[in-house]
Amino acid sequence: MPAIPRHLGDGASSDFALEGLSAMLVRIFSIAASCLRREGLSVLILLAACGAAGPGAAQVRGLPDFVDLVERVAPAVVNIRTTERASESPASPFRRSPPGQPPGEEARRGEGSGFIISPDGYVMTNAHVLDGASEVLVTLVDKREFKARIIGADDRSDVALLKIEAATLPAVKIGDVGRLRVGEWVLAIGSPFGLDSTVTAGIVSAKQRETGSDIAFLQTDVAVNPGNSGGPLIDTRGEVVGINSQILSPVGSYIGISFAIPIDEAMRIVDQLRASGRVVRGYLGIQPTDVPRELAEEYGLAVGKGRTRGAFVRQVVRGAPGEKAGIQPGDVVLAVDGKAVEGAVELRRTLGGFKPGTAVTLQINRRGKLLEMGAVLGDLGQQLAAAEQGEPAVPEPTLSNVARAWGIAVSELSPAERQALGGAGGVKIAAVSEGAEAIGLRAGDVILGVGSAEVGDIRQFDAAISAFDKARALPLTVRRGNVAMFMRIPAAR
């Protein structure tokens, strides 16, 4: 086997050597200065040299030495292999499938890594490491192998908890993510490509990195590859600060950007898995997105540098807590229990942090008007399937060429249509042309508001249009099926 180059120097030995050399140089220069003084020569240059050789040299630092740290933590890091049916194996950048594996046959694979969090055999890993597993094998550093029981796995956070029947096992120490600083050294220990107990090092590149997930990640440049999933990210105190979970790579292997689940988030998930085998999250029954820039400018929700505040409600699930509270598509959620909402991801995290049955107060912006609503959250786990199915889309009718000043013609909602919308107001677009058609408006769309004006019927719509400056783009809040959108029709000519 070719020798592996060592990139990390012996920092402690280097420091001692430098300090010893500094003292020796100072002593030599002192003796030389005494000799020169007897000869009547200047010693200014020598004294300056002594100063440079002393304090300056003592400040030099070598690279960190991770030897003791690895020896302390590595025994608590495990290799995880699963037995599963090949036909049930979803694609994953952390997964390797043997070539030519017949569909439906059992295949044992090196799946990933994990780490022991308690001496009685609880092991933390990633949920995706266990996808489709019918049997899980955990191998310790001393080569002992155990069948593991899956206590629980949470796909939304990608955290899972295993249990092996063993005692007095080495366990990691859980660290404090709050103390972790960008630029600080961190290590990963795991089994990349099946090479168990592999150690890699790097620095924290960013904290609270948003990727659209329910969790804000730690970003590092530690080398993480397929097989590292579920292994620990360790700080220089020898404490676990994250679970290595994802990589950003067009080729499926490390290119310098890795993501870890912060350990404080992971421990909150594990506590619930250990108690009940599942994670409970609050459920409001809305589909939020970030506030569109045009809507933010219209209603004063822009906060500079292209950023907006609040979460735009695109959809409300029928019968869900959000609909019962009075939330409508097109609303913007600004705060939950007084805590400001910066965007859709933060709203999902905030609501998910509450237990089902919790009563919350929501601050809503509805076309420029501030409202307060109370809602009692449901259980996301029980409602997720229904929420994901969504509502049936409204069939797209044939477009008409009828022309109007703004390119739209509207009609009243029928009683049946109004009832289908939960009794909400609005007017239905009967036909579109020119600018309205160009921006994607359709016949059958329902206009809920014009600028900050509510639209409940034709009379209110006509009044809002008459009062609006036709030299400006016309801002509309529109509902299509059960999804709300904000659109602007170009200024009428």
Foldseek 3Di string as FASTA:
>chain_A
DDDDDDPADAFVVQLVVLQVVLVVLLVVLVVVVVVVVVVVDDCVVSVVVNVCSHPVSNPDTGGDDCVVLLVQFQQFKKWKKFKAFPQQQDDDLLDDDDPPDDGRDIDIDRQAMWGAADQQFKIKFFLSSCRRGPWMWIAGPVGDIFTWDWLAHDNLLRMTIIGGGGGRGRGAAADDLVPADFFFKKKWAWQAVHNHRDIWIWTFHDFQPDDPGLARWTKTQTFDARRSGHTFIAGPVSHGQWGWHDEDDPVSGHDGITTTGGVVVNVVQVVVSNVHNGAWFWAQAFQWFFDDPVLCVLQVQDDDPSFGWFTATFFGQPPGQNVVQPDAHGKTWQDKQPHGGRTDSSVRNVRGVDGQQDKIWTWIQRLNDTDITITGTHTCVVCVVVSVVGFDFDDADDADADQDQLFWDWAADDPVRCVLRVVAAFIFTQHGDDQCVVFPDGGGKTWQAWRSFGGRGPVSVVVSVVPDDLQQWIWTWIHTGRTIDIDTGGRGD
